mmCIF file of all heavy atoms, coordinates in Angstrom:
data_MODEL
# 
_entry.id   MODEL 
# 
loop_
_atom_site.group_PDB 
_atom_site.id 
_atom_site.type_symbol 
_atom_site.label_atom_id 
_atom_site.label_alt_id 
_atom_site.label_comp_id 
_atom_site.label_asym_id 
_atom_site.label_entity_id 
_atom_site.label_seq_id 
_atom_site.pdbx_PDB_ins_code 
_atom_site.Cartn_x 
_atom_site.Cartn_y 
_atom_site.Cartn_z 
_atom_site.occupancy 
_atom_site.B_iso_or_equiv 
_atom_site.pdbx_formal_charge 
_atom_site.auth_seq_id 
_atom_site.auth_comp_id 
_atom_site.auth_asym_id 
_atom_site.auth_atom_id 
_atom_site.pdbx_PDB_model_num 
ATOM 1   N N   . GLY A 1 1  ? 36.911  8.565   16.766  1.00 0.00 ? 1  GLY A N   1 
ATOM 2   C CA  . GLY A 1 1  ? 37.987  8.704   17.751  1.00 0.00 ? 1  GLY A CA  1 
ATOM 3   C C   . GLY A 1 1  ? 38.087  10.150  18.204  1.00 0.00 ? 1  GLY A C   1 
ATOM 4   O O   . GLY A 1 1  ? 37.105  10.751  18.613  1.00 0.00 ? 1  GLY A O   1 
ATOM 5   N N   . ALA A 1 2  ? 39.267  10.751  18.102  1.00 0.00 ? 2  ALA A N   1 
ATOM 6   C CA  . ALA A 1 2  ? 39.462  12.142  18.495  1.00 0.00 ? 2  ALA A CA  1 
ATOM 7   C C   . ALA A 1 2  ? 39.131  13.108  17.364  1.00 0.00 ? 2  ALA A C   1 
ATOM 8   O O   . ALA A 1 2  ? 39.088  14.318  17.566  1.00 0.00 ? 2  ALA A O   1 
ATOM 9   C CB  . ALA A 1 2  ? 40.899  12.349  18.958  1.00 0.00 ? 2  ALA A CB  1 
ATOM 10  N N   . ASN A 1 3  ? 38.884  12.594  16.154  1.00 0.00 ? 3  ASN A N   1 
ATOM 11  C CA  . ASN A 1 3  ? 38.614  13.437  14.988  1.00 0.00 ? 3  ASN A CA  1 
ATOM 12  C C   . ASN A 1 3  ? 37.118  13.477  14.680  1.00 0.00 ? 3  ASN A C   1 
ATOM 13  O O   . ASN A 1 3  ? 36.361  12.618  15.114  1.00 0.00 ? 3  ASN A O   1 
ATOM 14  C CB  . ASN A 1 3  ? 39.361  12.907  13.759  1.00 0.00 ? 3  ASN A CB  1 
ATOM 15  C CG  . ASN A 1 3  ? 40.851  12.869  13.982  1.00 0.00 ? 3  ASN A CG  1 
ATOM 16  O OD1 . ASN A 1 3  ? 41.414  13.778  14.585  1.00 0.00 ? 3  ASN A OD1 1 
ATOM 17  N ND2 . ASN A 1 3  ? 41.486  11.811  13.503  1.00 0.00 ? 3  ASN A ND2 1 
ATOM 18  N N   . GLN A 1 4  ? 36.746  14.471  13.926  1.00 0.00 ? 4  GLN A N   1 
ATOM 19  C CA  . GLN A 1 4  ? 35.375  14.531  13.452  1.00 0.00 ? 4  GLN A CA  1 
ATOM 20  C C   . GLN A 1 4  ? 35.359  14.835  11.961  1.00 0.00 ? 4  GLN A C   1 
ATOM 21  O O   . GLN A 1 4  ? 36.264  15.445  11.424  1.00 0.00 ? 4  GLN A O   1 
ATOM 22  C CB  . GLN A 1 4  ? 34.557  15.569  14.213  1.00 0.00 ? 4  GLN A CB  1 
ATOM 23  C CG  . GLN A 1 4  ? 34.875  17.006  13.898  1.00 0.00 ? 4  GLN A CG  1 
ATOM 24  C CD  . GLN A 1 4  ? 33.964  17.950  14.682  1.00 0.00 ? 4  GLN A CD  1 
ATOM 25  O OE1 . GLN A 1 4  ? 33.384  17.582  15.687  1.00 0.00 ? 4  GLN A OE1 1 
ATOM 26  N NE2 . GLN A 1 4  ? 33.857  19.167  14.213  1.00 0.00 ? 4  GLN A NE2 1 
ATOM 27  N N   . ARG A 1 5  ? 34.301  14.355  11.329  1.00 0.00 ? 5  ARG A N   1 
ATOM 28  C CA  . ARG A 1 5  ? 34.126  14.563  9.889   1.00 0.00 ? 5  ARG A CA  1 
ATOM 29  C C   . ARG A 1 5  ? 32.748  15.176  9.681   1.00 0.00 ? 5  ARG A C   1 
ATOM 30  O O   . ARG A 1 5  ? 31.766  14.746  10.276  1.00 0.00 ? 5  ARG A O   1 
ATOM 31  C CB  . ARG A 1 5  ? 34.216  13.218  9.172   1.00 0.00 ? 5  ARG A CB  1 
ATOM 32  C CG  . ARG A 1 5  ? 34.006  13.291  7.681   1.00 0.00 ? 5  ARG A CG  1 
ATOM 33  C CD  . ARG A 1 5  ? 34.297  11.939  7.014   1.00 0.00 ? 5  ARG A CD  1 
ATOM 34  N NE  . ARG A 1 5  ? 33.563  10.825  7.588   1.00 0.00 ? 5  ARG A NE  1 
ATOM 35  C CZ  . ARG A 1 5  ? 32.388  10.370  7.109   1.00 0.00 ? 5  ARG A CZ  1 
ATOM 36  N NH1 . ARG A 1 5  ? 31.820  10.941  6.079   1.00 0.00 ? 5  ARG A NH1 1 
ATOM 37  N NH2 . ARG A 1 5  ? 31.801  9.342   7.679   1.00 0.00 ? 5  ARG A NH2 1 
ATOM 38  N N   . VAL A 1 6  ? 32.651  16.197  8.833   1.00 0.00 ? 6  VAL A N   1 
ATOM 39  C CA  . VAL A 1 6  ? 31.391  16.891  8.571   1.00 0.00 ? 6  VAL A CA  1 
ATOM 40  C C   . VAL A 1 6  ? 30.959  16.600  7.143   1.00 0.00 ? 6  VAL A C   1 
ATOM 41  O O   . VAL A 1 6  ? 31.768  16.688  6.209   1.00 0.00 ? 6  VAL A O   1 
ATOM 42  C CB  . VAL A 1 6  ? 31.532  18.416  8.794   1.00 0.00 ? 6  VAL A CB  1 
ATOM 43  C CG1 . VAL A 1 6  ? 30.240  19.124  8.449   1.00 0.00 ? 6  VAL A CG1 1 
ATOM 44  C CG2 . VAL A 1 6  ? 31.962  18.709  10.217  1.00 0.00 ? 6  VAL A CG2 1 
ATOM 45  N N   . GLU A 1 7  ? 29.696  16.241  6.981   1.00 0.00 ? 7  GLU A N   1 
ATOM 46  C CA  . GLU A 1 7  ? 29.130  15.964  5.665   1.00 0.00 ? 7  GLU A CA  1 
ATOM 47  C C   . GLU A 1 7  ? 27.975  16.928  5.433   1.00 0.00 ? 7  GLU A C   1 
ATOM 48  O O   . GLU A 1 7  ? 27.042  16.992  6.231   1.00 0.00 ? 7  GLU A O   1 
ATOM 49  C CB  . GLU A 1 7  ? 28.625  14.524  5.627   1.00 0.00 ? 7  GLU A CB  1 
ATOM 50  C CG  . GLU A 1 7  ? 27.971  14.113  4.338   1.00 0.00 ? 7  GLU A CG  1 
ATOM 51  C CD  . GLU A 1 7  ? 27.442  12.688  4.435   1.00 0.00 ? 7  GLU A CD  1 
ATOM 52  O OE1 . GLU A 1 7  ? 26.457  12.470  5.175   1.00 0.00 ? 7  GLU A OE1 1 
ATOM 53  O OE2 . GLU A 1 7  ? 28.005  11.801  3.783   1.00 0.00 ? 7  GLU A OE2 1 
ATOM 54  N N   . ASN A 1 8  ? 28.014  17.702  4.352   1.00 0.00 ? 8  ASN A N   1 
ATOM 55  C CA  . ASN A 1 8  ? 26.951  18.629  3.993   1.00 0.00 ? 8  ASN A CA  1 
ATOM 56  C C   . ASN A 1 8  ? 26.208  18.084  2.780   1.00 0.00 ? 8  ASN A C   1 
ATOM 57  O O   . ASN A 1 8  ? 26.835  17.719  1.778   1.00 0.00 ? 8  ASN A O   1 
ATOM 58  C CB  . ASN A 1 8  ? 27.513  20.017  3.667   1.00 0.00 ? 8  ASN A CB  1 
ATOM 59  C CG  . ASN A 1 8  ? 28.048  20.698  4.903   1.00 0.00 ? 8  ASN A CG  1 
ATOM 60  O OD1 . ASN A 1 8  ? 27.345  20.840  5.894   1.00 0.00 ? 8  ASN A OD1 1 
ATOM 61  N ND2 . ASN A 1 8  ? 29.305  21.104  4.858   1.00 0.00 ? 8  ASN A ND2 1 
ATOM 62  N N   . ILE A 1 9  ? 24.881  18.053  2.891   1.00 0.00 ? 9  ILE A N   1 
ATOM 63  C CA  . ILE A 1 9  ? 24.042  17.540  1.808   1.00 0.00 ? 9  ILE A CA  1 
ATOM 64  C C   . ILE A 1 9  ? 23.131  18.663  1.329   1.00 0.00 ? 9  ILE A C   1 
ATOM 65  O O   . ILE A 1 9  ? 22.459  19.321  2.129   1.00 0.00 ? 9  ILE A O   1 
ATOM 66  C CB  . ILE A 1 9  ? 23.190  16.344  2.278   1.00 0.00 ? 9  ILE A CB  1 
ATOM 67  C CG1 . ILE A 1 9  ? 24.097  15.194  2.713   1.00 0.00 ? 9  ILE A CG1 1 
ATOM 68  C CG2 . ILE A 1 9  ? 22.233  15.899  1.186   1.00 0.00 ? 9  ILE A CG2 1 
ATOM 69  C CD1 . ILE A 1 9  ? 23.357  14.042  3.343   1.00 0.00 ? 9  ILE A CD1 1 
ATOM 70  N N   . ASP A 1 10 ? 23.105  18.856  0.011   1.00 0.00 ? 10 ASP A N   1 
ATOM 71  C CA  . ASP A 1 10 ? 22.180  19.796  -0.621  1.00 0.00 ? 10 ASP A CA  1 
ATOM 72  C C   . ASP A 1 10 ? 21.581  19.029  -1.808  1.00 0.00 ? 10 ASP A C   1 
ATOM 73  O O   . ASP A 1 10 ? 22.195  18.920  -2.866  1.00 0.00 ? 10 ASP A O   1 
ATOM 74  C CB  . ASP A 1 10 ? 22.925  21.052  -1.093  1.00 0.00 ? 10 ASP A CB  1 
ATOM 75  C CG  . ASP A 1 10 ? 21.977  22.131  -1.574  1.00 0.00 ? 10 ASP A CG  1 
ATOM 76  O OD1 . ASP A 1 10 ? 20.750  21.875  -1.620  1.00 0.00 ? 10 ASP A OD1 1 
ATOM 77  O OD2 . ASP A 1 10 ? 22.469  23.220  -1.911  1.00 0.00 ? 10 ASP A OD2 1 
ATOM 78  N N   . GLN A 1 11 ? 20.387  18.495  -1.614  1.00 0.00 ? 11 GLN A N   1 
ATOM 79  C CA  . GLN A 1 11 ? 19.816  17.542  -2.565  1.00 0.00 ? 11 GLN A CA  1 
ATOM 80  C C   . GLN A 1 11 ? 18.455  18.029  -3.057  1.00 0.00 ? 11 GLN A C   1 
ATOM 81  O O   . GLN A 1 11 ? 17.632  18.490  -2.278  1.00 0.00 ? 11 GLN A O   1 
ATOM 82  C CB  . GLN A 1 11 ? 19.664  16.189  -1.871  1.00 0.00 ? 11 GLN A CB  1 
ATOM 83  C CG  . GLN A 1 11 ? 19.061  15.105  -2.698  1.00 0.00 ? 11 GLN A CG  1 
ATOM 84  C CD  . GLN A 1 11 ? 18.924  13.819  -1.884  1.00 0.00 ? 11 GLN A CD  1 
ATOM 85  O OE1 . GLN A 1 11 ? 18.824  13.856  -0.659  1.00 0.00 ? 11 GLN A OE1 1 
ATOM 86  N NE2 . GLN A 1 11 ? 18.925  12.699  -2.555  1.00 0.00 ? 11 GLN A NE2 1 
ATOM 87  N N   . ARG A 1 12 ? 18.207  17.893  -4.362  1.00 0.00 ? 12 ARG A N   1 
ATOM 88  C CA  . ARG A 1 12 ? 16.911  18.215  -4.950  1.00 0.00 ? 12 ARG A CA  1 
ATOM 89  C C   . ARG A 1 12 ? 16.410  16.964  -5.674  1.00 0.00 ? 12 ARG A C   1 
ATOM 90  O O   . ARG A 1 12 ? 17.132  16.360  -6.459  1.00 0.00 ? 12 ARG A O   1 
ATOM 91  C CB  . ARG A 1 12 ? 17.020  19.373  -5.922  1.00 0.00 ? 12 ARG A CB  1 
ATOM 92  C CG  . ARG A 1 12 ? 15.690  19.732  -6.568  1.00 0.00 ? 12 ARG A CG  1 
ATOM 93  C CD  . ARG A 1 12 ? 15.794  21.024  -7.382  1.00 0.00 ? 12 ARG A CD  1 
ATOM 94  N NE  . ARG A 1 12 ? 14.498  21.500  -7.777  1.00 0.00 ? 12 ARG A NE  1 
ATOM 95  C CZ  . ARG A 1 12 ? 13.684  22.223  -7.040  1.00 0.00 ? 12 ARG A CZ  1 
ATOM 96  N NH1 . ARG A 1 12 ? 14.026  22.551  -5.824  1.00 0.00 ? 12 ARG A NH1 1 
ATOM 97  N NH2 . ARG A 1 12 ? 12.524  22.626  -7.498  1.00 0.00 ? 12 ARG A NH2 1 
ATOM 98  N N   . THR A 1 13 ? 15.159  16.596  -5.405  1.00 0.00 ? 13 THR A N   1 
ATOM 99  C CA  . THR A 1 13 ? 14.567  15.409  -6.005  1.00 0.00 ? 13 THR A CA  1 
ATOM 100 C C   . THR A 1 13 ? 13.292  15.805  -6.747  1.00 0.00 ? 13 THR A C   1 
ATOM 101 O O   . THR A 1 13 ? 12.470  16.546  -6.208  1.00 0.00 ? 13 THR A O   1 
ATOM 102 C CB  . THR A 1 13 ? 14.214  14.370  -4.922  1.00 0.00 ? 13 THR A CB  1 
ATOM 103 O OG1 . THR A 1 13 ? 15.389  14.057  -4.180  1.00 0.00 ? 13 THR A OG1 1 
ATOM 104 C CG2 . THR A 1 13 ? 13.649  13.110  -5.524  1.00 0.00 ? 13 THR A CG2 1 
ATOM 105 N N   . THR A 1 14 ? 13.145  15.318  -7.964  1.00 0.00 ? 14 THR A N   1 
ATOM 106 C CA  . THR A 1 14 ? 11.915  15.519  -8.723  1.00 0.00 ? 14 THR A CA  1 
ATOM 107 C C   . THR A 1 14 ? 11.422  14.158  -9.197  1.00 0.00 ? 14 THR A C   1 
ATOM 108 O O   . THR A 1 14 ? 12.214  13.267  -9.520  1.00 0.00 ? 14 THR A O   1 
ATOM 109 C CB  . THR A 1 14 ? 12.126  16.431  -9.949  1.00 0.00 ? 14 THR A CB  1 
ATOM 110 O OG1 . THR A 1 14 ? 13.118  15.858  -10.777 1.00 0.00 ? 14 THR A OG1 1 
ATOM 111 C CG2 . THR A 1 14 ? 12.558  17.819  -9.533  1.00 0.00 ? 14 THR A CG2 1 
ATOM 112 N N   . ARG A 1 15 ? 10.109  14.018  -9.199  1.00 0.00 ? 15 ARG A N   1 
ATOM 113 C CA  . ARG A 1 15 ? 9.500   12.763  -9.639  1.00 0.00 ? 15 ARG A CA  1 
ATOM 114 C C   . ARG A 1 15 ? 8.245   13.098  -10.420 1.00 0.00 ? 15 ARG A C   1 
ATOM 115 O O   . ARG A 1 15 ? 7.430   13.910  -9.985  1.00 0.00 ? 15 ARG A O   1 
ATOM 116 C CB  . ARG A 1 15 ? 9.145   11.887  -8.439  1.00 0.00 ? 15 ARG A CB  1 
ATOM 117 C CG  . ARG A 1 15 ? 8.521   10.568  -8.824  1.00 0.00 ? 15 ARG A CG  1 
ATOM 118 C CD  . ARG A 1 15 ? 8.196   9.749   -7.607  1.00 0.00 ? 15 ARG A CD  1 
ATOM 119 N NE  . ARG A 1 15 ? 7.064   10.326  -6.914  1.00 0.00 ? 15 ARG A NE  1 
ATOM 120 C CZ  . ARG A 1 15 ? 6.096   9.615   -6.356  1.00 0.00 ? 15 ARG A CZ  1 
ATOM 121 N NH1 . ARG A 1 15 ? 6.131   8.315   -6.381  1.00 0.00 ? 15 ARG A NH1 1 
ATOM 122 N NH2 . ARG A 1 15 ? 5.096   10.213  -5.743  1.00 0.00 ? 15 ARG A NH2 1 
ATOM 123 N N   . SER A 1 16 ? 8.110   12.479  -11.571 1.00 0.00 ? 16 SER A N   1 
ATOM 124 C CA  . SER A 1 16 ? 6.924   12.674  -12.392 1.00 0.00 ? 16 SER A CA  1 
ATOM 125 C C   . SER A 1 16 ? 6.460   11.309  -12.874 1.00 0.00 ? 16 SER A C   1 
ATOM 126 O O   . SER A 1 16 ? 7.251   10.531  -13.402 1.00 0.00 ? 16 SER A O   1 
ATOM 127 C CB  . SER A 1 16 ? 7.251   13.574  -13.577 1.00 0.00 ? 16 SER A CB  1 
ATOM 128 O OG  . SER A 1 16 ? 6.103   13.808  -14.340 1.00 0.00 ? 16 SER A OG  1 
ATOM 129 N N   . ARG A 1 17 ? 5.177   11.019  -12.661 1.00 0.00 ? 17 ARG A N   1 
ATOM 130 C CA  . ARG A 1 17 ? 4.623   9.721   -13.058 1.00 0.00 ? 17 ARG A CA  1 
ATOM 131 C C   . ARG A 1 17 ? 3.241   9.949   -13.650 1.00 0.00 ? 17 ARG A C   1 
ATOM 132 O O   . ARG A 1 17 ? 2.463   10.755  -13.148 1.00 0.00 ? 17 ARG A O   1 
ATOM 133 C CB  . ARG A 1 17 ? 4.506   8.800   -11.848 1.00 0.00 ? 17 ARG A CB  1 
ATOM 134 C CG  . ARG A 1 17 ? 3.771   7.498   -12.129 1.00 0.00 ? 17 ARG A CG  1 
ATOM 135 C CD  . ARG A 1 17 ? 3.396   6.763   -10.862 1.00 0.00 ? 17 ARG A CD  1 
ATOM 136 N NE  . ARG A 1 17 ? 2.373   7.433   -10.098 1.00 0.00 ? 17 ARG A NE  1 
ATOM 137 C CZ  . ARG A 1 17 ? 1.064   7.238   -10.216 1.00 0.00 ? 17 ARG A CZ  1 
ATOM 138 N NH1 . ARG A 1 17 ? 0.599   6.406   -11.108 1.00 0.00 ? 17 ARG A NH1 1 
ATOM 139 N NH2 . ARG A 1 17 ? 0.204   7.883   -9.464  1.00 0.00 ? 17 ARG A NH2 1 
ATOM 140 N N   . GLN A 1 18 ? 2.961   9.250   -14.721 1.00 0.00 ? 18 GLN A N   1 
ATOM 141 C CA  . GLN A 1 18 ? 1.622   9.263   -15.287 1.00 0.00 ? 18 GLN A CA  1 
ATOM 142 C C   . GLN A 1 18 ? 1.336   7.873   -15.801 1.00 0.00 ? 18 GLN A C   1 
ATOM 143 O O   . GLN A 1 18 ? 2.197   7.253   -16.434 1.00 0.00 ? 18 GLN A O   1 
ATOM 144 C CB  . GLN A 1 18 ? 1.506   10.271  -16.417 1.00 0.00 ? 18 GLN A CB  1 
ATOM 145 C CG  . GLN A 1 18 ? 0.109   10.344  -16.985 1.00 0.00 ? 18 GLN A CG  1 
ATOM 146 C CD  . GLN A 1 18 ? -0.050  11.480  -17.976 1.00 0.00 ? 18 GLN A CD  1 
ATOM 147 O OE1 . GLN A 1 18 ? 0.862   12.262  -18.186 1.00 0.00 ? 18 GLN A OE1 1 
ATOM 148 N NE2 . GLN A 1 18 ? -1.213  11.561  -18.590 1.00 0.00 ? 18 GLN A NE2 1 
ATOM 149 N N   . GLY A 1 19 ? 0.144   7.358   -15.523 1.00 0.00 ? 19 GLY A N   1 
ATOM 150 C CA  . GLY A 1 19 ? -0.136  6.010   -15.985 1.00 0.00 ? 19 GLY A CA  1 
ATOM 151 C C   . GLY A 1 19 ? -1.611  5.681   -15.978 1.00 0.00 ? 19 GLY A C   1 
ATOM 152 O O   . GLY A 1 19 ? -2.399  6.278   -15.252 1.00 0.00 ? 19 GLY A O   1 
ATOM 153 N N   . THR A 1 20 ? -1.939  4.713   -16.812 1.00 0.00 ? 20 THR A N   1 
ATOM 154 C CA  . THR A 1 20 ? -3.288  4.168   -16.880 1.00 0.00 ? 20 THR A CA  1 
ATOM 155 C C   . THR A 1 20 ? -3.172  2.653   -16.808 1.00 0.00 ? 20 THR A C   1 
ATOM 156 O O   . THR A 1 20 ? -2.312  2.066   -17.460 1.00 0.00 ? 20 THR A O   1 
ATOM 157 C CB  . THR A 1 20 ? -3.983  4.575   -18.195 1.00 0.00 ? 20 THR A CB  1 
ATOM 158 O OG1 . THR A 1 20 ? -4.036  5.994   -18.257 1.00 0.00 ? 20 THR A OG1 1 
ATOM 159 C CG2 . THR A 1 20 ? -5.387  4.018   -18.271 1.00 0.00 ? 20 THR A CG2 1 
ATOM 160 N N   . ARG A 1 21 ? -4.021  2.054   -15.998 1.00 0.00 ? 21 ARG A N   1 
ATOM 161 C CA  . ARG A 1 21 ? -4.013  0.596   -15.854 1.00 0.00 ? 21 ARG A CA  1 
ATOM 162 C C   . ARG A 1 21 ? -5.444  0.105   -15.971 1.00 0.00 ? 21 ARG A C   1 
ATOM 163 O O   . ARG A 1 21 ? -6.363  0.712   -15.422 1.00 0.00 ? 21 ARG A O   1 
ATOM 164 C CB  . ARG A 1 21 ? -3.451  0.217   -14.485 1.00 0.00 ? 21 ARG A CB  1 
ATOM 165 C CG  . ARG A 1 21 ? -3.364  -1.285  -14.280 1.00 0.00 ? 21 ARG A CG  1 
ATOM 166 C CD  . ARG A 1 21 ? -2.889  -1.574  -12.899 1.00 0.00 ? 21 ARG A CD  1 
ATOM 167 N NE  . ARG A 1 21 ? -4.038  -1.545  -12.003 1.00 0.00 ? 21 ARG A NE  1 
ATOM 168 C CZ  . ARG A 1 21 ? -4.033  -2.012  -10.772 1.00 0.00 ? 21 ARG A CZ  1 
ATOM 169 N NH1 . ARG A 1 21 ? -2.944  -2.495  -10.256 1.00 0.00 ? 21 ARG A NH1 1 
ATOM 170 N NH2 . ARG A 1 21 ? -5.106  -1.964  -10.030 1.00 0.00 ? 21 ARG A NH2 1 
ATOM 171 N N   . TRP A 1 22 ? -5.638  -0.978  -16.676 1.00 0.00 ? 22 TRP A N   1 
ATOM 172 C CA  . TRP A 1 22 ? -6.956  -1.569  -16.746 1.00 0.00 ? 22 TRP A CA  1 
ATOM 173 C C   . TRP A 1 22 ? -6.832  -3.085  -16.678 1.00 0.00 ? 22 TRP A C   1 
ATOM 174 O O   . TRP A 1 22 ? -5.816  -3.656  -17.057 1.00 0.00 ? 22 TRP A O   1 
ATOM 175 C CB  . TRP A 1 22 ? -7.726  -1.136  -17.998 1.00 0.00 ? 22 TRP A CB  1 
ATOM 176 C CG  . TRP A 1 22 ? -7.081  -1.519  -19.300 1.00 0.00 ? 22 TRP A CG  1 
ATOM 177 C CD1 . TRP A 1 22 ? -6.143  -0.822  -19.981 1.00 0.00 ? 22 TRP A CD1 1 
ATOM 178 C CD2 . TRP A 1 22 ? -7.308  -2.719  -20.036 1.00 0.00 ? 22 TRP A CD2 1 
ATOM 179 N NE1 . TRP A 1 22 ? -5.779  -1.503  -21.116 1.00 0.00 ? 22 TRP A NE1 1 
ATOM 180 C CE2 . TRP A 1 22 ? -6.482  -2.666  -21.178 1.00 0.00 ? 22 TRP A CE2 1 
ATOM 181 C CE3 . TRP A 1 22 ? -8.125  -3.823  -19.855 1.00 0.00 ? 22 TRP A CE3 1 
ATOM 182 C CZ2 . TRP A 1 22 ? -6.463  -3.691  -22.110 1.00 0.00 ? 22 TRP A CZ2 1 
ATOM 183 C CZ3 . TRP A 1 22 ? -8.105  -4.841  -20.787 1.00 0.00 ? 22 TRP A CZ3 1 
ATOM 184 C CH2 . TRP A 1 22 ? -7.274  -4.762  -21.901 1.00 0.00 ? 22 TRP A CH2 1 
ATOM 185 N N   . GLU A 1 23 ? -7.867  -3.708  -16.159 1.00 0.00 ? 23 GLU A N   1 
ATOM 186 C CA  . GLU A 1 23 ? -7.924  -5.162  -16.048 1.00 0.00 ? 23 GLU A CA  1 
ATOM 187 C C   . GLU A 1 23 ? -9.338  -5.605  -16.380 1.00 0.00 ? 23 GLU A C   1 
ATOM 188 O O   . GLU A 1 23 ? -10.297 -4.872  -16.137 1.00 0.00 ? 23 GLU A O   1 
ATOM 189 C CB  . GLU A 1 23 ? -7.604  -5.630  -14.627 1.00 0.00 ? 23 GLU A CB  1 
ATOM 190 C CG  . GLU A 1 23 ? -6.223  -5.315  -14.149 1.00 0.00 ? 23 GLU A CG  1 
ATOM 191 C CD  . GLU A 1 23 ? -6.002  -5.706  -12.685 1.00 0.00 ? 23 GLU A CD  1 
ATOM 192 O OE1 . GLU A 1 23 ? -6.840  -6.452  -12.129 1.00 0.00 ? 23 GLU A OE1 1 
ATOM 193 O OE2 . GLU A 1 23 ? -5.008  -5.261  -12.120 1.00 0.00 ? 23 GLU A OE2 1 
ATOM 194 N N   . ALA A 1 24 ? -9.471  -6.814  -16.898 1.00 0.00 ? 24 ALA A N   1 
ATOM 195 C CA  . ALA A 1 24 ? -10.779 -7.402  -17.158 1.00 0.00 ? 24 ALA A CA  1 
ATOM 196 C C   . ALA A 1 24 ? -10.713 -8.875  -16.810 1.00 0.00 ? 24 ALA A C   1 
ATOM 197 O O   . ALA A 1 24 ? -9.676  -9.522  -16.983 1.00 0.00 ? 24 ALA A O   1 
ATOM 198 C CB  . ALA A 1 24 ? -11.181 -7.211  -18.617 1.00 0.00 ? 24 ALA A CB  1 
ATOM 199 N N   . GLY A 1 25 ? -11.801 -9.402  -16.276 1.00 0.00 ? 25 GLY A N   1 
ATOM 200 C CA  . GLY A 1 25 ? -11.834 -10.806 -15.914 1.00 0.00 ? 25 GLY A CA  1 
ATOM 201 C C   . GLY A 1 25 ? -13.204 -11.410 -16.165 1.00 0.00 ? 25 GLY A C   1 
ATOM 202 O O   . GLY A 1 25 ? -14.225 -10.727 -16.087 1.00 0.00 ? 25 GLY A O   1 
ATOM 203 N N   . LEU A 1 26 ? -13.222 -12.695 -16.476 1.00 0.00 ? 26 LEU A N   1 
ATOM 204 C CA  . LEU A 1 26 ? -14.451 -13.430 -16.690 1.00 0.00 ? 26 LEU A CA  1 
ATOM 205 C C   . LEU A 1 26 ? -14.324 -14.743 -15.934 1.00 0.00 ? 26 LEU A C   1 
ATOM 206 O O   . LEU A 1 26 ? -13.319 -15.441 -16.045 1.00 0.00 ? 26 LEU A O   1 
ATOM 207 C CB  . LEU A 1 26 ? -14.661 -13.689 -18.187 1.00 0.00 ? 26 LEU A CB  1 
ATOM 208 C CG  . LEU A 1 26 ? -15.969 -14.339 -18.592 1.00 0.00 ? 26 LEU A CG  1 
ATOM 209 C CD1 . LEU A 1 26 ? -17.141 -13.423 -18.245 1.00 0.00 ? 26 LEU A CD1 1 
ATOM 210 C CD2 . LEU A 1 26 ? -15.951 -14.645 -20.079 1.00 0.00 ? 26 LEU A CD2 1 
ATOM 211 N N   . SER A 1 27 ? -15.344 -15.071 -15.142 1.00 0.00 ? 27 SER A N   1 
ATOM 212 C CA  . SER A 1 27 ? -15.287 -16.267 -14.309 1.00 0.00 ? 27 SER A CA  1 
ATOM 213 C C   . SER A 1 27 ? -16.576 -17.067 -14.478 1.00 0.00 ? 27 SER A C   1 
ATOM 214 O O   . SER A 1 27 ? -17.676 -16.514 -14.404 1.00 0.00 ? 27 SER A O   1 
ATOM 215 C CB  . SER A 1 27 ? -15.118 -15.850 -12.844 1.00 0.00 ? 27 SER A CB  1 
ATOM 216 O OG  . SER A 1 27 ? -15.256 -16.950 -11.992 1.00 0.00 ? 27 SER A OG  1 
ATOM 217 N N   . PHE A 1 28 ? -16.429 -18.360 -14.711 1.00 0.00 ? 28 PHE A N   1 
ATOM 218 C CA  . PHE A 1 28 ? -17.573 -19.272 -14.805 1.00 0.00 ? 28 PHE A CA  1 
ATOM 219 C C   . PHE A 1 28 ? -17.432 -20.298 -13.696 1.00 0.00 ? 28 PHE A C   1 
ATOM 220 O O   . PHE A 1 28 ? -16.376 -20.895 -13.521 1.00 0.00 ? 28 PHE A O   1 
ATOM 221 C CB  . PHE A 1 28 ? -17.601 -19.960 -16.172 1.00 0.00 ? 28 PHE A CB  1 
ATOM 222 C CG  . PHE A 1 28 ? -18.708 -20.961 -16.303 1.00 0.00 ? 28 PHE A CG  1 
ATOM 223 C CD1 . PHE A 1 28 ? -20.010 -20.533 -16.470 1.00 0.00 ? 28 PHE A CD1 1 
ATOM 224 C CD2 . PHE A 1 28 ? -18.443 -22.314 -16.240 1.00 0.00 ? 28 PHE A CD2 1 
ATOM 225 C CE1 . PHE A 1 28 ? -21.048 -21.451 -16.580 1.00 0.00 ? 28 PHE A CE1 1 
ATOM 226 C CE2 . PHE A 1 28 ? -19.464 -23.235 -16.360 1.00 0.00 ? 28 PHE A CE2 1 
ATOM 227 C CZ  . PHE A 1 28 ? -20.771 -22.808 -16.530 1.00 0.00 ? 28 PHE A CZ  1 
ATOM 228 N N   . THR A 1 29 ? -18.503 -20.508 -12.949 1.00 0.00 ? 29 THR A N   1 
ATOM 229 C CA  . THR A 1 29 ? -18.486 -21.457 -11.832 1.00 0.00 ? 29 THR A CA  1 
ATOM 230 C C   . THR A 1 29 ? -19.524 -22.546 -12.069 1.00 0.00 ? 29 THR A C   1 
ATOM 231 O O   . THR A 1 29 ? -20.670 -22.256 -12.432 1.00 0.00 ? 29 THR A O   1 
ATOM 232 C CB  . THR A 1 29 ? -18.801 -20.736 -10.505 1.00 0.00 ? 29 THR A CB  1 
ATOM 233 O OG1 . THR A 1 29 ? -17.884 -19.660 -10.340 1.00 0.00 ? 29 THR A OG1 1 
ATOM 234 C CG2 . THR A 1 29 ? -18.689 -21.673 -9.324  1.00 0.00 ? 29 THR A CG2 1 
# 
């Protein structure tokens, strides 16, 4: 309307990932 609202953002994000994945398959036809 006639008013205003101010939003200030100061954000820090950290992400750390470590992984190992393995798969095995055997198929007979």
